[in-house]
C-alpha atoms as a PDB file:
ATOM      1  CA  MET A   1      75.204  24.565  66.322  1.00  0.00           C
ATOM      2  CA  LEU A   2      78.724  24.039  65.040  1.00  0.00           C
ATOM      3  CA  ALA A   3      79.623  21.561  62.296  1.00  0.00           C
ATOM      4  CA  VAL A   4      83.088  20.023  62.566  1.00  0.00           C
ATOM      5  CA  ALA A   5      83.907  18.874  59.061  1.00  0.00           C
ATOM      6  CA  GLY A   6      86.736  17.914  56.748  1.00  0.00           C
ATOM      7  CA  GLY A   7      87.390  16.593  53.298  1.00  0.00           C
ATOM      8  CA  LYS A   8      89.508  13.556  54.114  1.00  0.00           C
ATOM      9  CA  GLY A   9      89.431  10.795  56.692  1.00  0.00           C
ATOM     10  CA  GLY A  10      92.197  10.759  59.258  1.00  0.00           C
ATOM     11  CA  SER A  11      92.410  14.528  59.598  1.00  0.00           C
ATOM     12  CA  GLY A  12      91.427  14.427  63.278  1.00  0.00           C
ATOM     13  CA  LYS A  13      87.826  15.553  62.908  1.00  0.00           C
ATOM     14  CA  THR A  14      86.379  13.391  65.684  1.00  0.00           C
ATOM     15  CA  THR A  15      89.266  14.151  68.028  1.00  0.00           C
ATOM     16  CA  THR A  16      88.697  17.829  67.293  1.00  0.00           C
ATOM     17  CA  THR A  17      84.989  17.512  68.091  1.00  0.00           C
ATOM     18  CA  LEU A  18      85.775  16.182  71.562  1.00  0.00           C
ATOM     19  CA  GLY A  19      88.649  18.612  72.053  1.00  0.00           C
ATOM     20  CA  LEU A  20      86.388  21.565  71.298  1.00  0.00           C
ATOM     21  CA  ALA A  21      83.638  20.118  73.490  1.00  0.00           C
ATOM     22  CA  ARG A  22      85.969  19.909  76.484  1.00  0.00           C
ATOM     23  CA  ALA A  23      87.369  23.391  75.877  1.00  0.00           C
ATOM     24  CA  HIS A  24      83.959  25.033  75.520  1.00  0.00           C
ATOM     25  CA  PRO A  25      82.904  27.123  78.531  1.00  0.00           C
ATOM     26  CA  GLU A  26      79.456  25.503  78.499  1.00  0.00           C
ATOM     27  CA  GLU A  27      78.539  21.839  78.642  1.00  0.00           C
ATOM     28  CA  VAL A  28      77.834  20.926  75.033  1.00  0.00           C
ATOM     29  CA  LEU A  29      76.314  17.997  73.192  1.00  0.00           C
ATOM     30  CA  ALA A  30      78.647  16.276  70.724  1.00  0.00           C
ATOM     31  CA  ALA A  31      76.626  14.323  68.155  1.00  0.00           C
ATOM     32  CA  ASP A  32      78.079  11.743  65.769  1.00  0.00           C
ATOM     33  CA  LEU A  33      76.659  12.325  62.294  1.00  0.00           C
ATOM     34  CA  ASP A  34      79.317  10.258  60.538  1.00  0.00           C
ATOM     35  CA  TRP A  35      76.871   7.404  60.300  1.00  0.00           C
ATOM     36  CA  ASP A  36      78.781   5.179  57.873  1.00  0.00           C
ATOM     37  CA  MET A  37      82.028   5.289  59.882  1.00  0.00           C
ATOM     38  CA  PRO A  38      81.009   6.241  63.426  1.00  0.00           C
ATOM     39  CA  ASN A  39      83.686   6.434  66.100  1.00  0.00           C
ATOM     40  CA  LEU A  40      82.785   9.362  68.345  1.00  0.00           C
ATOM     41  CA  HIS A  41      81.399   6.948  70.936  1.00  0.00           C
ATOM     42  CA  ALA A  42      84.570   4.838  70.828  1.00  0.00           C
ATOM     43  CA  ILE A  43      86.935   7.771  71.338  1.00  0.00           C
ATOM     44  CA  ALA A  44      84.687   9.152  74.077  1.00  0.00           C
ATOM     45  CA  GLY A  45      84.518   5.739  75.746  1.00  0.00           C
ATOM     46  CA  VAL A  46      80.736   5.296  75.747  1.00  0.00           C
ATOM     47  CA  ASP A  47      78.454   2.540  74.500  1.00  0.00           C
ATOM     48  CA  ARG A  48      76.612   2.903  71.230  1.00  0.00           C
ATOM     49  CA  ARG A  49      72.953   2.608  72.176  1.00  0.00           C
ATOM     50  CA  ALA A  50      69.593   3.261  70.559  1.00  0.00           C
ATOM     51  CA  VAL A  51      69.205   7.009  70.085  1.00  0.00           C
ATOM     52  CA  GLY A  52      65.749   7.416  68.555  1.00  0.00           C
ATOM     53  CA  GLY A  53      63.334   9.758  70.241  1.00  0.00           C
ATOM     54  CA  GLU A  54      61.012  12.702  69.930  1.00  0.00           C
ATOM     55  CA  GLY A  55      61.349  16.367  70.724  1.00  0.00           C
ATOM     56  CA  ASP A  56      64.459  18.263  71.711  1.00  0.00           C
ATOM     57  CA  LEU A  57      67.794  16.411  71.635  1.00  0.00           C
ATOM     58  CA  TRP A  58      68.575  18.108  74.948  1.00  0.00           C
ATOM     59  CA  GLY A  59      65.249  17.023  76.435  1.00  0.00           C
ATOM     60  CA  PRO A  60      65.096  14.616  79.384  1.00  0.00           C
ATOM     61  CA  ASP A  61      63.213  11.997  77.367  1.00  0.00           C
ATOM     62  CA  TRP A  62      65.783  11.659  74.594  1.00  0.00           C
ATOM     63  CA  PRO A  63      67.541   8.264  74.891  1.00  0.00           C
ATOM     64  CA  GLY A  64      71.098   7.364  74.008  1.00  0.00           C
ATOM     65  CA  ARG A  65      72.942  10.403  75.336  1.00  0.00           C
ATOM     66  CA  SER A  66      75.829   9.772  77.697  1.00  0.00           C
ATOM     67  CA  ARG A  67      77.611  12.301  79.858  1.00  0.00           C
ATOM     68  CA  VAL A  68      81.385  11.950  79.602  1.00  0.00           C
ATOM     69  CA  GLY A  69      83.148  13.472  82.577  1.00  0.00           C
ATOM     70  CA  GLU A  70      86.583  13.369  80.948  1.00  0.00           C
ATOM     71  CA  PHE A  71      85.393  15.764  78.248  1.00  0.00           C
ATOM     72  CA  ASP A  72      82.766  17.568  80.321  1.00  0.00           C
ATOM     73  CA  CYS A  73      80.113  17.069  77.646  1.00  0.00           C
ATOM     74  CA  GLU A  74      77.199  14.931  76.533  1.00  0.00           C
ATOM     75  CA  VAL A  75      77.811  12.502  73.662  1.00  0.00           C
ATOM     76  CA  LEU A  76      75.168  11.244  71.248  1.00  0.00           C
ATOM     77  CA  PRO A  77      76.444   8.183  69.359  1.00  0.00           C
ATOM     78  CA  ALA A  78      75.567   7.556  65.735  1.00  0.00           C
ATOM     79  CA  PRO A  79      72.120   5.999  65.268  1.00  0.00           C
ATOM     80  CA  SER A  80      71.581   2.621  63.670  1.00  0.00           C
ATOM     81  CA  PRO A  81      70.038   2.457  60.178  1.00  0.00           C
ATOM     82  CA  ALA A  82      66.997   0.654  61.575  1.00  0.00           C
ATOM     83  CA  ASP A  83      63.791   1.808  63.209  1.00  0.00           C
ATOM     84  CA  GLY A  84      63.895   5.361  61.915  1.00  0.00           C
ATOM     85  CA  GLU A  85      66.618   6.436  64.352  1.00  0.00           C
ATOM     86  CA  ARG A  86      68.399   8.533  61.734  1.00  0.00           C
ATOM     87  CA  VAL A  87      65.236  10.431  60.878  1.00  0.00           C
ATOM     88  CA  ASP A  88      64.640  11.022  64.593  1.00  0.00           C
ATOM     89  CA  VAL A  89      68.124  12.472  65.059  1.00  0.00           C
ATOM     90  CA  LEU A  90      67.822  14.833  62.093  1.00  0.00           C
ATOM     91  CA  SER A  91      64.433  15.993  63.367  1.00  0.00           C
ATOM     92  CA  GLY A  92      65.844  16.469  66.852  1.00  0.00           C
ATOM     93  CA  LEU A  93      68.727  18.513  65.489  1.00  0.00           C
ATOM     94  CA  THR A  94      66.361  20.720  63.523  1.00  0.00           C
ATOM     95  CA  ARG A  95      64.533  21.552  66.761  1.00  0.00           C
ATOM     96  CA  VAL A  96      67.692  22.785  68.479  1.00  0.00           C
ATOM     97  CA  GLN A  97      69.003  24.960  65.650  1.00  0.00           C
ATOM     98  CA  GLY A  98      70.261  28.236  67.104  1.00  0.00           C
ATOM     99  CA  ALA A  99      69.479  27.092  70.642  1.00  0.00           C
ATOM    100  CA  GLU A 100      71.578  26.833  73.767  1.00  0.00           C
ATOM    101  CA  PRO A 101      73.464  24.919  75.056  1.00  0.00           C
ATOM    102  CA  PRO A 102      75.601  24.428  71.943  1.00  0.00           C
ATOM    103  CA  VAL A 103      75.672  21.299  69.804  1.00  0.00           C
ATOM    104  CA  LEU A 104      78.796  20.102  67.989  1.00  0.00           C
ATOM    105  CA  LEU A 105      78.232  17.938  64.924  1.00  0.00           C
ATOM    106  CA  ASP A 106      80.930  15.400  64.059  1.00  0.00           C
ATOM    107  CA  CYS A 107      80.254  15.362  60.314  1.00  0.00           C
ATOM    108  CA  PRO A 108      81.156  12.840  57.612  1.00  0.00           C
ATOM    109  CA  CYS A 109      84.068  13.618  55.336  1.00  0.00           C
ATOM    110  CA  GLY A 110      83.565  14.764  51.778  1.00  0.00           C
ATOM    111  CA  VAL A 111      80.779  16.487  49.897  1.00  0.00           C
ATOM    112  CA  ALA A 112      78.297  13.656  49.278  1.00  0.00           C
ATOM    113  CA  PRO A 113      74.659  14.386  50.233  1.00  0.00           C
ATOM    114  CA  ASP A 114      75.029  12.601  53.593  1.00  0.00           C
ATOM    115  CA  ALA A 115      78.010  14.830  54.388  1.00  0.00           C
ATOM    116  CA  VAL A 116      76.395  18.070  53.250  1.00  0.00           C
ATOM    117  CA  LYS A 117      73.121  17.610  55.162  1.00  0.00           C
ATOM    118  CA  PRO A 118      74.710  18.222  58.605  1.00  0.00           C
ATOM    119  CA  LEU A 119      76.381  21.348  57.230  1.00  0.00           C
ATOM    120  CA  SER A 120      72.984  22.734  56.283  1.00  0.00           C
ATOM    121  CA  LEU A 121      71.746  22.284  59.867  1.00  0.00           C
ATOM    122  CA  ALA A 122      74.653  24.132  61.470  1.00  0.00           C
ATOM    123  CA  ASP A 123      75.013  27.827  62.236  1.00  0.00           C
ATOM    124  CA  ARG A 124      78.646  27.730  61.144  1.00  0.00           C
ATOM    125  CA  THR A 125      81.363  25.251  60.210  1.00  0.00           C
ATOM    126  CA  VAL A 126      84.884  24.579  61.411  1.00  0.00           C
ATOM    127  CA  ILE A 127      87.066  22.816  58.860  1.00  0.00           C
ATOM    128  CA  VAL A 128      89.665  20.325  60.093  1.00  0.00           C
ATOM    129  CA  THR A 129      92.613  19.440  57.879  1.00  0.00           C
ATOM    130  CA  THR A 130      96.178  18.274  57.934  1.00  0.00           C
ATOM    131  CA  LEU A 131      98.616  20.078  55.668  1.00  0.00           C
ATOM    132  CA  CYS A 132      98.969  17.208  53.204  1.00  0.00           C
ATOM    133  CA  ARG A 133      97.825  18.144  49.710  1.00  0.00           C
ATOM    134  CA  ALA A 134      94.908  15.703  49.514  1.00  0.00           C
ATOM    135  CA  SER A 135      93.526  16.799  52.873  1.00  0.00           C
ATOM    136  CA  VAL A 136      93.728  20.485  51.962  1.00  0.00           C
ATOM    137  CA  ARG A 137      92.030  19.846  48.607  1.00  0.00           C
ATOM    138  CA  GLY A 138      89.215  18.058  50.405  1.00  0.00           C
ATOM    139  CA  ALA A 139      88.978  20.857  52.954  1.00  0.00           C
ATOM    140  CA  VAL A 140      88.568  23.435  50.192  1.00  0.00           C
ATOM    141  CA  LYS A 141      85.695  21.408  48.714  1.00  0.00           C
ATOM    142  CA  THR A 142      84.043  21.021  52.112  1.00  0.00           C
ATOM    143  CA  ALA A 143      84.296  24.753  52.770  1.00  0.00           C
ATOM    144  CA  ALA A 144      82.677  25.454  49.406  1.00  0.00           C
ATOM    145  CA  ALA A 145      79.902  22.940  50.137  1.00  0.00           C
ATOM    146  CA  SER A 146      79.205  24.555  53.499  1.00  0.00           C
ATOM    147  CA  ARG A 147      78.893  27.998  51.972  1.00  0.00           C
ATOM    148  CA  ALA A 148      76.726  26.606  49.167  1.00  0.00           C
ATOM    149  CA  VAL A 149      74.086  25.543  51.718  1.00  0.00           C
ATOM    150  CA  GLY A 150      74.256  28.895  53.490  1.00  0.00           C
ATOM    151  CA  THR A 151      76.482  27.959  56.423  1.00  0.00           C
ATOM    152  CA  PRO A 152      79.523  30.219  56.849  1.00  0.00           C
ATOM    153  CA  VAL A 153      82.952  28.825  57.602  1.00  0.00           C
ATOM    154  CA  ALA A 154      84.110  30.169  60.959  1.00  0.00           C
ATOM    155  CA  GLY A 155      87.653  28.955  60.551  1.00  0.00           C
ATOM    156  CA  VAL A 156      90.045  26.077  60.072  1.00  0.00           C
ATOM    157  CA  ILE A 157      91.950  23.928  62.549  1.00  0.00           C
ATOM    158  CA  ALA A 158      95.190  22.518  61.159  1.00  0.00           C
ATOM    159  CA  THR A 159      96.176  19.227  62.779  1.00  0.00           C
ATOM    160  CA  ARG A 160      99.506  17.403  63.074  1.00  0.00           C
ATOM    161  CA  THR A 161     101.408  20.656  62.760  1.00  0.00           C
ATOM    162  CA  THR A 162     102.602  23.592  64.803  1.00  0.00           C
ATOM    163  CA  ALA A 163     102.425  26.130  61.984  1.00  0.00           C
ATOM    164  CA  ALA A 164      99.880  26.985  59.305  1.00  0.00           C
ATOM    165  CA  GLY A 165     100.179  30.293  57.545  1.00  0.00           C
ATOM    166  CA  SER A 166      98.357  32.644  55.252  1.00  0.00           C
ATOM    167  CA  ARG A 167      98.403  30.201  52.340  1.00  0.00           C
ATOM    168  CA  LEU A 168      95.928  27.890  54.091  1.00  0.00           C
ATOM    169  CA  GLU A 169      93.766  30.844  55.122  1.00  0.00           C
ATOM    170  CA  SER A 170      93.750  32.079  51.543  1.00  0.00           C
ATOM    171  CA  LEU A 171      92.770  28.701  50.104  1.00  0.00           C
ATOM    172  CA  LEU A 172      89.844  28.293  52.500  1.00  0.00           C
ATOM    173  CA  ASP A 173      89.003  32.011  52.795  1.00  0.00           C
ATOM    174  CA  ALA A 174      88.876  31.489  56.548  1.00  0.00           C
ATOM    175  CA  PRO A 175      91.190  32.111  59.500  1.00  0.00           C
ATOM    176  CA  VAL A 176      93.314  29.456  61.149  1.00  0.00           C
ATOM    177  CA  LEU A 177      91.753  29.149  64.600  1.00  0.00           C
ATOM    178  CA  ALA A 178      94.507  26.931  65.955  1.00  0.00           C
ATOM    179  CA  THR A 179      97.169  24.420  65.049  1.00  0.00           C
ATOM    180  CA  VAL A 180      97.245  21.066  66.833  1.00  0.00           C
ATOM    181  CA  PRO A 181     100.628  19.324  67.089  1.00  0.00           C
ATOM    182  CA  GLU A 182     101.050  15.636  66.414  1.00  0.00           C
ATOM    183  CA  THR A 183     101.322  13.602  69.602  1.00  0.00           C
ATOM    184  CA  ASP A 184     101.199   9.993  70.776  1.00  0.00           C
ATOM    185  CA  ASP A 185      98.234   7.613  70.606  1.00  0.00           C
ATOM    186  CA  ARG A 186      96.115   9.648  73.047  1.00  0.00           C
ATOM    187  CA  PRO A 187      96.255  13.222  71.777  1.00  0.00           C
ATOM    188  CA  LEU A 188      93.392  14.386  73.977  1.00  0.00           C
ATOM    189  CA  SER A 189      95.490  13.563  77.037  1.00  0.00           C
ATOM    190  CA  SER A 190      98.203  15.992  75.944  1.00  0.00           C
ATOM    191  CA  PRO A 191      98.263  19.400  77.696  1.00  0.00           C
ATOM    192  CA  VAL A 192      99.589  20.987  74.494  1.00  0.00           C
ATOM    193  CA  VAL A 193      96.666  19.610  72.494  1.00  0.00           C
ATOM    194  CA  ARG A 194      94.225  20.823  75.141  1.00  0.00           C
ATOM    195  CA  GLU A 195      95.722  24.290  74.890  1.00  0.00           C
ATOM    196  CA  SER A 196      95.319  24.202  71.111  1.00  0.00           C
ATOM    197  CA  TYR A 197      91.600  23.477  71.307  1.00  0.00           C
ATOM    198  CA  ALA A 198      91.145  26.072  74.040  1.00  0.00           C
ATOM    199  CA  ARG A 199      92.738  28.605  71.711  1.00  0.00           C
ATOM    200  CA  ALA A 200      90.377  27.559  68.921  1.00  0.00           C
ATOM    201  CA  ILE A 201      87.360  28.076  71.189  1.00  0.00           C
ATOM    202  CA  ASP A 202      88.655  31.506  72.193  1.00  0.00           C
ATOM    203  CA  ASN A 203      88.916  32.454  68.532  1.00  0.00           C
ATOM    204  CA  LEU A 204      85.364  31.225  67.920  1.00  0.00           C
ATOM    205  CA  GLU A 205      83.846  33.465  70.588  1.00  0.00           C
ATOM    206  CA  PRO A 206      81.261  35.805  69.009  1.00  0.00           C
ATOM    207  CA  GLU A 207      82.685  38.848  70.753  1.00  0.00           C
ATOM    208  CA  LYS A 208      86.046  38.200  69.077  1.00  0.00           C
ATOM    209  CA  PRO A 209      85.143  37.269  65.473  1.00  0.00           C
ATOM    210  CA  PRO A 210      87.909  36.824  62.913  1.00  0.00           C
ATOM    211  CA  ASP A 211      88.465  39.478  60.242  1.00  0.00           C
ATOM    212  CA  TYR A 212      86.550  37.460  57.677  1.00  0.00           C
ATOM    213  CA  GLN A 213      82.921  37.753  56.638  1.00  0.00           C
ATOM    214  CA  THR A 214      82.444  34.085  57.423  1.00  0.00           C
ATOM    215  CA  CYS A 215      81.311  34.024  61.038  1.00  0.00           C
ATOM    216  CA  LYS A 216      77.581  33.998  61.759  1.00  0.00           C
ATOM    217  CA  THR A 217      76.805  34.556  65.431  1.00  0.00           C
ATOM    218  CA  ARG A 218      73.777  33.205  67.219  1.00  0.00           C
ATOM    219  CA  ASN A 219      72.121  36.631  67.074  1.00  0.00           C
ATOM    220  CA  ASN A 220      71.769  36.534  63.306  1.00  0.00           C
ATOM    221  CA  SER A 221      71.272  32.812  62.809  1.00  0.00           C
END
């Protein structure tokens, strides 16, 4: 289970979640855990429906999932506050920890309790940030919060740029997996952006871990 997190809104976290989902060699489940400002369903082009259920999130009886052919993945929209849906989703995520196929968590920004909880469920975290000072500061805090709950940071994806050097890696103590250039209104339609997320997935592969002690593979999760 991979948390996609960042310290500041507008960094491209949700776009990155879908970009990684499409680039992944397996069909993954992308789950929206940004419950106060959900937009994974909107970017993916699916309806936000009731998502409460029992058992495994990947199970056939779990409602609310939608398969999105454009991104070759399943999408689980954010639950509503009512009827215990949020509790159901957290329980369902707990049951698929360390399991296959992979789950990508589109996490809230920041380090409030609601943002840290998804980090604690994940096997590792990818930090998404632009290179603006406020975004990088938030990313550093998010990386620290992830490590504080025992989830290593696998790397960082720098958005709206074509270059991110050793300074960013040093600040986050994690490798830059990819840079994603700024594009028009539909970045996920851009071949260059697709290539960026494919490169990030390649760098996340367990058999090619970065030279940082921050990458926990499924075998030791």
